Amino acid sequence: MNNNTDLRRGITLLETMVSITVFTLAILAIISSVRYFYRTNTYAIEQASAVTSAQKGVESMVKTIREAAYASNGAYPIVSMAANDLTFYADIDEDPYVERVRYYVSGMSLFRDVTNPAGDPPTYGAVETTSLVSETVRNLEQGVALFEYHDMNGGLISNYARVADMRYVVMNIVVNVDPNRLPNQLILRSTAALRNLK
């Protein structure tokens, strides 16, 4: 009888140890799955947020570039153009004056500078107001030009000194929160025709 009782206690102890081991392994598997799921979704949410921000930035840029106009002091609408930098005049706040606007990439961010005219006759020497358009922009890192410029015949302008020939702008924004993780970067592409050029 004692041997039987000892055997039952031994089996019960063994069953308990097996149960604890299985339970521990199950908990560890669940925790690992939740952590993996969380990491994967965090990246997806961050990437989606970055893309949404870039889309809003592109929409704003397109609207502003389309409204390029002669400056309040009569200067030509396009001040300068480069692969990752565009400066022009546009009325962005519907006041009586036309502002000088500059879009450019610095590091991994896309910025907009706005300069309001001051004085009579108006001059554009005032302090620029800088605002962030989009983060996690990888144009410089990937070697992709933010801007491409085209003339009235659709020809690509490679000589950036030919500001008077520019009629059409193509914007390419490369967005990626983490280039070391899939999916690869997303390139947002949009175009704007300058409406107010004579």
N, C-alpha and C. Protein backbone atom coordinates (compact mmCIF):
# COMPACT_ATOMS: atom_id res chain seq x y z
N MET A 1 0.82 -1.20 0.00
CA MET A 1 0.00 0.00 0.00
C MET A 1 0.86 1.25 0.00
N ASN A 2 1.95 1.20 0.77
CA ASN A 2 2.85 2.35 0.80
C ASN A 2 3.51 2.57 -0.55
N ASN A 3 3.88 1.48 -1.20
CA ASN A 3 4.50 1.61 -2.52
C ASN A 3 3.53 2.24 -3.52
N ASN A 4 2.28 1.87 -3.41
CA ASN A 4 1.26 2.42 -4.28
C ASN A 4 1.09 3.92 -4.03
N THR A 5 1.07 4.34 -2.81
CA THR A 5 0.92 5.74 -2.44
C THR A 5 2.13 6.53 -2.91
N ASP A 6 3.32 5.99 -2.71
CA ASP A 6 4.54 6.66 -3.17
C ASP A 6 4.54 6.81 -4.69
N LEU A 7 4.06 5.77 -5.37
CA LEU A 7 4.01 5.81 -6.83
C LEU A 7 3.03 6.89 -7.29
N ARG A 8 1.88 6.99 -6.63
CA ARG A 8 0.90 8.01 -6.99
C ARG A 8 1.45 9.41 -6.73
N ARG A 9 2.15 9.58 -5.60
CA ARG A 9 2.76 10.88 -5.31
C ARG A 9 3.81 11.21 -6.36
N GLY A 10 4.58 10.24 -6.78
CA GLY A 10 5.62 10.45 -7.80
C GLY A 10 5.01 10.84 -9.14
N ILE A 11 3.92 10.17 -9.52
CA ILE A 11 3.24 10.50 -10.77
C ILE A 11 2.61 11.89 -10.67
N THR A 12 2.02 12.22 -9.55
CA THR A 12 1.42 13.53 -9.35
C THR A 12 2.48 14.62 -9.42
N LEU A 13 3.62 14.37 -8.82
CA LEU A 13 4.72 15.34 -8.88
C LEU A 13 5.23 15.47 -10.31
N LEU A 14 5.35 14.38 -11.01
CA LEU A 14 5.79 14.39 -12.40
C LEU A 14 4.76 15.10 -13.27
N GLU A 15 3.49 14.81 -13.05
CA GLU A 15 2.43 15.48 -13.81
C GLU A 15 2.47 16.99 -13.55
N THR A 16 2.68 17.37 -12.30
CA THR A 16 2.76 18.80 -11.95
C THR A 16 3.92 19.47 -12.65
N MET A 17 5.08 18.81 -12.65
CA MET A 17 6.28 19.38 -13.31
C MET A 17 6.04 19.53 -14.82
N VAL A 18 5.44 18.51 -15.44
CA VAL A 18 5.14 18.57 -16.88
C VAL A 18 4.14 19.69 -17.15
N SER A 19 3.13 19.80 -16.33
CA SER A 19 2.11 20.85 -16.50
C SER A 19 2.74 22.24 -16.39
N ILE A 20 3.59 22.43 -15.39
CA ILE A 20 4.27 23.73 -15.22
C ILE A 20 5.15 24.03 -16.42
N THR A 21 5.87 23.05 -16.91
CA THR A 21 6.75 23.24 -18.07
C THR A 21 5.94 23.61 -19.31
N VAL A 22 4.87 22.87 -19.58
CA VAL A 22 4.01 23.15 -20.73
C VAL A 22 3.39 24.54 -20.60
N PHE A 23 2.91 24.87 -19.41
CA PHE A 23 2.31 26.19 -19.18
C PHE A 23 3.33 27.30 -19.43
N THR A 24 4.54 27.12 -18.90
CA THR A 24 5.60 28.13 -19.08
C THR A 24 5.94 28.29 -20.56
N LEU A 25 6.08 27.18 -21.26
CA LEU A 25 6.38 27.26 -22.70
C LEU A 25 5.26 27.95 -23.47
N ALA A 26 4.03 27.64 -23.10
CA ALA A 26 2.88 28.28 -23.77
C ALA A 26 2.88 29.78 -23.52
N ILE A 27 3.12 30.19 -22.28
CA ILE A 27 3.17 31.63 -21.95
C ILE A 27 4.29 32.32 -22.72
N LEU A 28 5.47 31.70 -22.77
CA LEU A 28 6.60 32.28 -23.52
C LEU A 28 6.27 32.40 -25.01
N ALA A 29 5.60 31.40 -25.56
CA ALA A 29 5.20 31.46 -26.97
C ALA A 29 4.21 32.59 -27.22
N ILE A 30 3.26 32.76 -26.32
CA ILE A 30 2.27 33.84 -26.45
C ILE A 30 2.95 35.19 -26.34
N ILE A 31 3.83 35.35 -25.37
CA ILE A 31 4.53 36.62 -25.19
C ILE A 31 5.38 36.94 -26.41
N SER A 32 6.08 35.95 -26.94
CA SER A 32 6.90 36.16 -28.15
C SER A 32 6.03 36.57 -29.34
N SER A 33 4.89 35.93 -29.48
CA SER A 33 3.97 36.26 -30.57
C SER A 33 3.44 37.68 -30.45
N VAL A 34 3.06 38.04 -29.23
CA VAL A 34 2.54 39.40 -29.00
C VAL A 34 3.62 40.44 -29.28
N ARG A 35 4.85 40.18 -28.82
CA ARG A 35 5.95 41.12 -29.07
C ARG A 35 6.23 41.24 -30.56
N TYR A 36 6.25 40.13 -31.28
CA TYR A 36 6.48 40.17 -32.73
C TYR A 36 5.35 40.93 -33.42
N PHE A 37 4.12 40.62 -33.05
CA PHE A 37 2.96 41.30 -33.62
C PHE A 37 3.02 42.80 -33.35
N TYR A 38 3.38 43.17 -32.13
CA TYR A 38 3.48 44.58 -31.76
C TYR A 38 4.56 45.28 -32.57
N ARG A 39 5.75 44.64 -32.68
CA ARG A 39 6.85 45.24 -33.46
C ARG A 39 6.44 45.41 -34.92
N THR A 40 5.83 44.39 -35.49
CA THR A 40 5.42 44.45 -36.89
C THR A 40 4.38 45.54 -37.10
N ASN A 41 3.39 45.61 -36.26
CA ASN A 41 2.35 46.62 -36.41
C ASN A 41 2.84 48.02 -36.11
N THR A 42 3.75 48.16 -35.17
CA THR A 42 4.30 49.47 -34.88
C THR A 42 4.98 50.04 -36.12
N TYR A 43 5.78 49.22 -36.78
CA TYR A 43 6.45 49.67 -38.00
C TYR A 43 5.42 50.03 -39.08
N ALA A 44 4.41 49.19 -39.24
CA ALA A 44 3.39 49.46 -40.26
C ALA A 44 2.65 50.76 -39.96
N ILE A 45 2.34 50.99 -38.69
CA ILE A 45 1.65 52.23 -38.31
C ILE A 45 2.56 53.44 -38.53
N GLU A 46 3.84 53.32 -38.16
CA GLU A 46 4.77 54.43 -38.37
C GLU A 46 4.93 54.72 -39.86
N GLN A 47 5.05 53.67 -40.67
CA GLN A 47 5.20 53.86 -42.12
C GLN A 47 3.94 54.49 -42.70
N ALA A 48 2.78 54.02 -42.29
CA ALA A 48 1.52 54.59 -42.78
C ALA A 48 1.40 56.06 -42.39
N SER A 49 1.79 56.39 -41.18
CA SER A 49 1.76 57.78 -40.72
C SER A 49 2.71 58.65 -41.54
N ALA A 50 3.91 58.14 -41.81
CA ALA A 50 4.89 58.88 -42.61
C ALA A 50 4.37 59.10 -44.03
N VAL A 51 3.75 58.08 -44.61
CA VAL A 51 3.21 58.21 -45.97
C VAL A 51 2.07 59.21 -45.99
N THR A 52 1.19 59.17 -44.99
CA THR A 52 0.08 60.12 -44.92
C THR A 52 0.60 61.55 -44.79
N SER A 53 1.61 61.74 -43.96
CA SER A 53 2.22 63.06 -43.80
C SER A 53 2.82 63.54 -45.12
N ALA A 54 3.52 62.65 -45.80
CA ALA A 54 4.13 63.02 -47.09
C ALA A 54 3.06 63.33 -48.13
N GLN A 55 1.97 62.57 -48.14
CA GLN A 55 0.89 62.84 -49.09
C GLN A 55 0.29 64.22 -48.86
N LYS A 56 0.07 64.57 -47.60
CA LYS A 56 -0.45 65.91 -47.30
C LYS A 56 0.54 66.99 -47.73
N GLY A 57 1.84 66.71 -47.50
CA GLY A 57 2.87 67.65 -47.92
C GLY A 57 2.89 67.84 -49.42
N VAL A 58 2.78 66.74 -50.16
CA VAL A 58 2.76 66.81 -51.63
C VAL A 58 1.55 67.60 -52.11
N GLU A 59 0.39 67.33 -51.52
CA GLU A 59 -0.83 68.06 -51.91
C GLU A 59 -0.66 69.56 -51.69
N SER A 60 -0.08 69.93 -50.55
CA SER A 60 0.16 71.34 -50.24
C SER A 60 1.15 71.95 -51.23
N MET A 61 2.23 71.20 -51.53
CA MET A 61 3.23 71.70 -52.48
C MET A 61 2.62 71.92 -53.85
N VAL A 62 1.84 70.96 -54.33
CA VAL A 62 1.23 71.07 -55.65
C VAL A 62 0.35 72.31 -55.72
N LYS A 63 -0.49 72.49 -54.71
CA LYS A 63 -1.38 73.65 -54.68
C LYS A 63 -0.59 74.96 -54.70
N THR A 64 0.46 75.02 -53.90
CA THR A 64 1.26 76.25 -53.82
C THR A 64 2.03 76.51 -55.10
N ILE A 65 2.65 75.48 -55.67
CA ILE A 65 3.43 75.65 -56.90
C ILE A 65 2.54 76.06 -58.05
N ARG A 66 1.34 75.52 -58.12
CA ARG A 66 0.41 75.91 -59.19
C ARG A 66 0.07 77.40 -59.13
N GLU A 67 0.13 77.96 -57.93
CA GLU A 67 -0.21 79.37 -57.75
C GLU A 67 0.99 80.30 -57.88
N ALA A 68 2.11 79.81 -58.38
CA ALA A 68 3.29 80.68 -58.56
C ALA A 68 2.89 81.91 -59.36
N ALA A 69 3.34 83.09 -58.91
CA ALA A 69 2.93 84.34 -59.53
C ALA A 69 4.07 85.36 -59.44
N TYR A 70 3.93 86.45 -60.18
CA TYR A 70 4.91 87.52 -60.10
C TYR A 70 4.90 88.10 -58.69
N ALA A 71 6.08 88.43 -58.21
CA ALA A 71 6.24 88.93 -56.85
C ALA A 71 5.58 90.29 -56.68
N SER A 72 5.38 90.68 -55.45
CA SER A 72 4.79 91.99 -55.15
C SER A 72 5.65 93.13 -55.66
N ASN A 73 6.97 92.89 -55.84
CA ASN A 73 7.86 93.91 -56.40
C ASN A 73 8.06 93.74 -57.90
N GLY A 74 7.30 92.83 -58.52
CA GLY A 74 7.35 92.62 -59.97
C GLY A 74 8.36 91.59 -60.43
N ALA A 75 9.08 90.94 -59.51
CA ALA A 75 10.08 89.95 -59.89
C ALA A 75 9.42 88.73 -60.53
N TYR A 76 10.20 88.04 -61.39
CA TYR A 76 9.73 86.86 -62.09
C TYR A 76 9.31 85.78 -61.08
N PRO A 77 8.26 84.99 -61.37
CA PRO A 77 7.74 84.03 -60.38
C PRO A 77 8.75 83.00 -59.86
N ILE A 78 9.68 82.56 -60.69
CA ILE A 78 10.63 81.53 -60.25
C ILE A 78 11.93 82.21 -59.86
N VAL A 79 12.36 82.03 -58.62
CA VAL A 79 13.61 82.63 -58.14
C VAL A 79 14.77 81.71 -58.48
N SER A 80 14.67 80.44 -58.09
CA SER A 80 15.73 79.47 -58.36
C SER A 80 15.16 78.07 -58.32
N MET A 81 15.89 77.17 -59.00
CA MET A 81 15.48 75.78 -58.99
C MET A 81 16.71 74.89 -58.95
N ALA A 82 16.58 73.78 -58.25
CA ALA A 82 17.66 72.79 -58.14
C ALA A 82 17.00 71.44 -57.92
N ALA A 83 17.81 70.39 -57.86
CA ALA A 83 17.27 69.04 -57.73
C ALA A 83 16.44 68.86 -56.46
N ASN A 84 16.86 69.48 -55.36
CA ASN A 84 16.17 69.31 -54.08
C ASN A 84 15.78 70.63 -53.44
N ASP A 85 15.62 71.66 -54.26
CA ASP A 85 15.36 73.00 -53.74
C ASP A 85 14.63 73.81 -54.82
N LEU A 86 13.51 74.41 -54.46
CA LEU A 86 12.76 75.26 -55.38
C LEU A 86 12.30 76.50 -54.63
N THR A 87 12.63 77.68 -55.19
CA THR A 87 12.20 78.95 -54.59
C THR A 87 11.40 79.72 -55.63
N PHE A 88 10.26 80.21 -55.23
CA PHE A 88 9.36 80.92 -56.14
C PHE A 88 8.46 81.85 -55.34
N TYR A 89 7.67 82.64 -56.05
CA TYR A 89 6.71 83.55 -55.41
C TYR A 89 5.30 83.00 -55.59
N ALA A 90 4.49 83.09 -54.55
CA ALA A 90 3.09 82.67 -54.62
C ALA A 90 2.32 83.32 -53.48
N ASP A 91 1.05 83.59 -53.72
CA ASP A 91 0.19 84.12 -52.66
C ASP A 91 -0.39 82.93 -51.91
N ILE A 92 0.18 82.62 -50.74
CA ILE A 92 -0.26 81.42 -50.01
C ILE A 92 -1.26 81.73 -48.91
N ASP A 93 -1.47 83.00 -48.60
CA ASP A 93 -2.39 83.32 -47.51
C ASP A 93 -3.49 84.30 -47.91
N GLU A 94 -3.66 84.50 -49.21
CA GLU A 94 -4.74 85.32 -49.76
C GLU A 94 -4.80 86.73 -49.20
N ASP A 95 -3.63 87.28 -48.87
CA ASP A 95 -3.57 88.69 -48.49
C ASP A 95 -3.19 89.49 -49.74
N PRO A 96 -3.05 90.82 -49.66
CA PRO A 96 -2.74 91.61 -50.86
C PRO A 96 -1.32 91.38 -51.41
N TYR A 97 -0.46 90.68 -50.66
CA TYR A 97 0.93 90.51 -51.07
C TYR A 97 1.23 89.06 -51.48
N VAL A 98 2.25 88.94 -52.31
CA VAL A 98 2.72 87.63 -52.76
C VAL A 98 3.96 87.28 -51.94
N GLU A 99 4.00 86.08 -51.39
CA GLU A 99 5.12 85.65 -50.54
C GLU A 99 6.18 84.92 -51.36
N ARG A 100 7.42 84.93 -50.85
CA ARG A 100 8.48 84.10 -51.44
C ARG A 100 8.45 82.76 -50.69
N VAL A 101 8.39 81.66 -51.45
CA VAL A 101 8.26 80.32 -50.88
C VAL A 101 9.44 79.48 -51.34
N ARG A 102 9.98 78.71 -50.42
CA ARG A 102 11.09 77.81 -50.75
C ARG A 102 10.79 76.43 -50.18
N TYR A 103 10.82 75.41 -51.03
CA TYR A 103 10.72 74.01 -50.60
C TYR A 103 12.09 73.38 -50.76
N TYR A 104 12.54 72.65 -49.75
CA TYR A 104 13.85 72.02 -49.83
C TYR A 104 13.95 70.84 -48.88
N VAL A 105 14.87 69.93 -49.22
CA VAL A 105 15.15 68.77 -48.37
C VAL A 105 16.42 69.06 -47.59
N SER A 106 16.38 68.79 -46.31
CA SER A 106 17.56 68.90 -45.45
C SER A 106 17.58 67.67 -44.55
N GLY A 107 18.64 66.89 -44.64
CA GLY A 107 18.69 65.65 -43.87
C GLY A 107 17.61 64.71 -44.34
N MET A 108 16.73 64.33 -43.42
CA MET A 108 15.62 63.44 -43.76
C MET A 108 14.27 64.14 -43.64
N SER A 109 14.26 65.46 -43.83
CA SER A 109 13.01 66.21 -43.70
C SER A 109 12.83 67.15 -44.89
N LEU A 110 11.57 67.39 -45.22
CA LEU A 110 11.19 68.34 -46.26
C LEU A 110 10.64 69.57 -45.56
N PHE A 111 11.19 70.74 -45.90
CA PHE A 111 10.82 71.99 -45.24
C PHE A 111 10.24 72.98 -46.23
N ARG A 112 9.49 73.96 -45.68
CA ARG A 112 9.00 75.10 -46.46
C ARG A 112 9.36 76.37 -45.72
N ASP A 113 10.03 77.27 -46.42
CA ASP A 113 10.32 78.61 -45.89
C ASP A 113 9.39 79.59 -46.58
N VAL A 114 8.85 80.53 -45.81
CA VAL A 114 7.98 81.57 -46.37
C VAL A 114 8.51 82.92 -45.90
N THR A 115 8.66 83.84 -46.86
CA THR A 115 9.10 85.20 -46.55
C THR A 115 8.03 86.17 -47.03
N ASN A 116 7.51 86.96 -46.13
CA ASN A 116 6.52 87.98 -46.49
C ASN A 116 7.24 89.25 -46.92
N PRO A 117 6.70 89.96 -47.90
CA PRO A 117 7.32 91.22 -48.31
C PRO A 117 7.06 92.31 -47.26
N ALA A 118 7.94 93.29 -47.23
CA ALA A 118 7.76 94.41 -46.30
C ALA A 118 8.22 95.68 -47.00
N GLY A 119 7.64 96.79 -46.60
CA GLY A 119 8.07 98.09 -47.12
C GLY A 119 7.31 98.51 -48.36
N ASP A 120 7.66 99.74 -48.83
CA ASP A 120 7.06 100.29 -50.04
C ASP A 120 8.13 101.00 -50.83
N PRO A 121 8.62 100.46 -51.90
CA PRO A 121 8.16 99.25 -52.58
C PRO A 121 8.53 98.00 -51.79
N PRO A 122 7.78 96.93 -52.00
CA PRO A 122 8.00 95.71 -51.22
C PRO A 122 9.36 95.07 -51.48
N THR A 123 9.98 94.59 -50.42
CA THR A 123 11.24 93.83 -50.54
C THR A 123 11.08 92.54 -49.74
N TYR A 124 11.92 91.56 -50.06
CA TYR A 124 11.81 90.24 -49.42
C TYR A 124 13.02 89.95 -48.53
N GLY A 125 13.45 90.92 -47.76
CA GLY A 125 14.59 90.73 -46.88
C GLY A 125 14.22 90.31 -45.48
N ALA A 126 12.92 90.17 -45.21
CA ALA A 126 12.46 89.84 -43.85
C ALA A 126 12.85 88.41 -43.47
N VAL A 127 12.64 88.10 -42.24
CA VAL A 127 12.96 86.77 -41.71
C VAL A 127 12.02 85.72 -42.30
N GLU A 128 12.60 84.58 -42.64
CA GLU A 128 11.81 83.48 -43.17
C GLU A 128 11.12 82.73 -42.03
N THR A 129 9.92 82.25 -42.30
CA THR A 129 9.22 81.37 -41.38
C THR A 129 9.35 79.96 -41.93
N THR A 130 9.97 79.07 -41.16
CA THR A 130 10.21 77.71 -41.61
C THR A 130 9.20 76.76 -40.99
N SER A 131 8.66 75.86 -41.81
CA SER A 131 7.74 74.85 -41.30
C SER A 131 8.12 73.49 -41.89
N LEU A 132 7.86 72.46 -41.11
CA LEU A 132 8.14 71.10 -41.53
C LEU A 132 6.99 70.60 -42.40
N VAL A 133 7.33 70.10 -43.59
CA VAL A 133 6.31 69.57 -44.49
C VAL A 133 6.16 68.07 -44.29
N SER A 134 7.31 67.37 -44.20
CA SER A 134 7.27 65.92 -44.04
C SER A 134 8.58 65.41 -43.45
N GLU A 135 8.48 64.36 -42.64
CA GLU A 135 9.66 63.71 -42.07
C GLU A 135 9.90 62.38 -42.77
N THR A 136 11.00 61.76 -42.43
CA THR A 136 11.42 60.46 -42.99
C THR A 136 11.47 60.49 -44.52
N VAL A 137 11.92 61.61 -45.05
CA VAL A 137 12.11 61.76 -46.49
C VAL A 137 13.52 61.28 -46.82
N ARG A 138 13.65 60.30 -47.70
CA ARG A 138 14.93 59.67 -47.99
C ARG A 138 15.48 60.03 -49.36
N ASN A 139 15.09 61.17 -49.92
CA ASN A 139 15.56 61.56 -51.25
C ASN A 139 17.07 61.68 -51.32
N LEU A 140 17.67 62.38 -50.37
CA LEU A 140 19.12 62.57 -50.40
C LEU A 140 19.84 61.24 -50.23
N GLU A 141 19.36 60.42 -49.31
CA GLU A 141 19.97 59.13 -49.03
C GLU A 141 19.89 58.19 -50.23
N GLN A 142 18.77 58.24 -50.97
CA GLN A 142 18.56 57.35 -52.11
C GLN A 142 19.02 57.96 -53.44
N GLY A 143 19.44 59.21 -53.41
CA GLY A 143 19.90 59.87 -54.63
C GLY A 143 18.78 60.17 -55.61
N VAL A 144 17.58 60.40 -55.10
CA VAL A 144 16.42 60.71 -55.94
C VAL A 144 16.13 62.21 -55.83
N ALA A 145 16.10 62.89 -56.97
CA ALA A 145 15.83 64.33 -56.98
C ALA A 145 14.39 64.58 -56.53
N LEU A 146 14.21 65.56 -55.65
CA LEU A 146 12.87 65.94 -55.21
C LEU A 146 12.09 66.58 -56.35
N PHE A 147 12.77 67.39 -57.16
CA PHE A 147 12.10 68.11 -58.25
C PHE A 147 12.71 67.75 -59.60
N GLU A 148 11.83 67.67 -60.61
CA GLU A 148 12.23 67.61 -62.01
C GLU A 148 11.47 68.74 -62.69
N TYR A 149 12.14 69.45 -63.58
CA TYR A 149 11.52 70.61 -64.22
C TYR A 149 11.40 70.37 -65.72
N HIS A 150 10.28 70.86 -66.28
CA HIS A 150 10.03 70.67 -67.71
C HIS A 150 9.64 71.99 -68.35
N ASP A 151 9.99 72.13 -69.63
CA ASP A 151 9.63 73.35 -70.36
C ASP A 151 8.24 73.19 -70.98
N MET A 152 7.83 74.19 -71.77
CA MET A 152 6.48 74.18 -72.32
C MET A 152 6.24 73.04 -73.31
N ASN A 153 7.32 72.46 -73.85
CA ASN A 153 7.19 71.33 -74.78
C ASN A 153 7.30 69.98 -74.06
N GLY A 154 7.46 70.00 -72.75
CA GLY A 154 7.59 68.78 -71.98
C GLY A 154 9.01 68.28 -71.84
N GLY A 155 9.97 69.02 -72.39
CA GLY A 155 11.38 68.62 -72.30
C GLY A 155 11.93 68.83 -70.90
N LEU A 156 12.76 67.90 -70.47
CA LEU A 156 13.39 67.99 -69.16
C LEU A 156 14.43 69.10 -69.14
N ILE A 157 14.39 69.94 -68.13
CA ILE A 157 15.36 71.03 -67.98
C ILE A 157 16.47 70.54 -67.06
N SER A 158 17.68 70.46 -67.58
CA SER A 158 18.81 70.02 -66.76
C SER A 158 19.69 71.21 -66.36
N ASN A 159 19.57 72.33 -67.09
CA ASN A 159 20.30 73.55 -66.75
C ASN A 159 19.41 74.38 -65.83
N TYR A 160 19.71 74.34 -64.53
CA TYR A 160 18.84 74.98 -63.54
C TYR A 160 18.87 76.51 -63.61
N ALA A 161 19.73 77.08 -64.43
CA ALA A 161 19.75 78.53 -64.61
C ALA A 161 18.62 78.99 -65.53
N ARG A 162 17.99 78.05 -66.24
CA ARG A 162 16.93 78.39 -67.20
C ARG A 162 15.56 78.49 -66.51
N VAL A 163 15.46 79.32 -65.50
CA VAL A 163 14.22 79.43 -64.73
C VAL A 163 13.05 79.93 -65.59
N ALA A 164 13.34 80.75 -66.59
CA ALA A 164 12.26 81.30 -67.42
C ALA A 164 11.62 80.23 -68.31
N ASP A 165 12.31 79.11 -68.53
CA ASP A 165 11.76 78.05 -69.39
C ASP A 165 10.84 77.10 -68.64
N MET A 166 10.89 77.11 -67.32
CA MET A 166 10.15 76.14 -66.53
C MET A 166 8.64 76.42 -66.56
N ARG A 167 7.87 75.36 -66.89
CA ARG A 167 6.42 75.48 -66.92
C ARG A 167 5.72 74.37 -66.12
N TYR A 168 6.50 73.35 -65.79
CA TYR A 168 5.89 72.14 -65.23
C TYR A 168 6.88 71.51 -64.27
N VAL A 169 6.41 71.10 -63.10
CA VAL A 169 7.28 70.52 -62.07
C VAL A 169 6.77 69.12 -61.71
N VAL A 170 7.71 68.17 -61.62
CA VAL A 170 7.40 66.83 -61.13
C VAL A 170 8.07 66.69 -59.78
N MET A 171 7.29 66.23 -58.78
CA MET A 171 7.83 66.05 -57.43
C MET A 171 7.89 64.56 -57.11
N ASN A 172 9.02 64.13 -56.57
CA ASN A 172 9.21 62.74 -56.14
C ASN A 172 9.65 62.76 -54.68
N ILE A 173 8.86 62.18 -53.81
CA ILE A 173 9.23 62.12 -52.39
C ILE A 173 9.39 60.66 -52.01
N VAL A 174 10.60 60.32 -51.56
CA VAL A 174 10.90 58.96 -51.12
C VAL A 174 10.64 58.88 -49.62
N VAL A 175 9.73 57.99 -49.20
CA VAL A 175 9.36 57.88 -47.80
C VAL A 175 9.69 56.48 -47.30
N ASN A 176 10.38 56.41 -46.16
CA ASN A 176 10.66 55.13 -45.52
C ASN A 176 11.07 55.40 -44.08
N VAL A 177 10.35 54.83 -43.13
CA VAL A 177 10.65 55.01 -41.72
C VAL A 177 11.96 54.34 -41.37
N ASP A 178 12.17 53.13 -41.87
CA ASP A 178 13.38 52.37 -41.56
C ASP A 178 13.81 51.60 -42.81
N PRO A 179 14.86 52.05 -43.50
CA PRO A 179 15.27 51.38 -44.74
C PRO A 179 15.82 49.97 -44.53
N ASN A 180 16.08 49.60 -43.29
CA ASN A 180 16.59 48.26 -43.01
C ASN A 180 15.48 47.22 -42.87
N ARG A 181 14.25 47.66 -42.95
CA ARG A 181 13.12 46.73 -42.80
C ARG A 181 12.23 46.79 -44.03
N LEU A 182 11.60 45.69 -44.33
CA LEU A 182 10.64 45.64 -45.43
C LEU A 182 9.32 46.20 -44.93
N PRO A 183 8.48 46.79 -45.73
CA PRO A 183 8.65 46.94 -47.17
C PRO A 183 9.64 48.06 -47.49
N ASN A 184 10.07 48.06 -48.75
CA ASN A 184 11.01 49.08 -49.19
C ASN A 184 10.32 50.44 -49.23
N GLN A 185 11.11 51.47 -49.53
CA GLN A 185 10.57 52.82 -49.54
C GLN A 185 9.45 52.97 -50.57
N LEU A 186 8.63 53.96 -50.30
CA LEU A 186 7.54 54.30 -51.19
C LEU A 186 7.87 55.64 -51.81
N ILE A 187 7.70 55.75 -53.12
CA ILE A 187 7.95 57.01 -53.80
C ILE A 187 6.61 57.63 -54.18
N LEU A 188 6.33 58.80 -53.61
CA LEU A 188 5.13 59.56 -53.96
C LEU A 188 5.49 60.51 -55.09
N ARG A 189 4.71 60.49 -56.13
CA ARG A 189 5.01 61.31 -57.32
C ARG A 189 3.78 62.14 -57.65
N SER A 190 4.02 63.42 -57.90
CA SER A 190 2.93 64.31 -58.28
C SER A 190 3.49 65.38 -59.22
N THR A 191 2.58 66.08 -59.87
CA THR A 191 3.00 67.10 -60.84
C THR A 191 2.21 68.38 -60.61
N ALA A 192 2.79 69.48 -61.07
CA ALA A 192 2.12 70.78 -60.99
C ALA A 192 2.53 71.63 -62.18
N ALA A 193 1.55 72.17 -62.85
CA ALA A 193 1.79 73.11 -63.93
C ALA A 193 1.62 74.52 -63.38
N LEU A 194 2.54 75.40 -63.73
CA LEU A 194 2.48 76.78 -63.24
C LEU A 194 1.44 77.53 -64.07
N ARG A 195 0.41 78.02 -63.42
CA ARG A 195 -0.74 78.60 -64.12
C ARG A 195 -0.59 80.07 -64.50
N ASN A 196 0.20 80.81 -63.73
CA ASN A 196 0.20 82.27 -63.87
C ASN A 196 1.39 82.83 -64.63
N LEU A 197 2.08 82.02 -65.41
CA LEU A 197 3.22 82.53 -66.17
C LEU A 197 2.76 83.11 -67.49
N LYS A 198 3.38 84.21 -67.89
CA LYS A 198 3.03 84.86 -69.16
C LYS A 198 3.97 84.39 -70.24
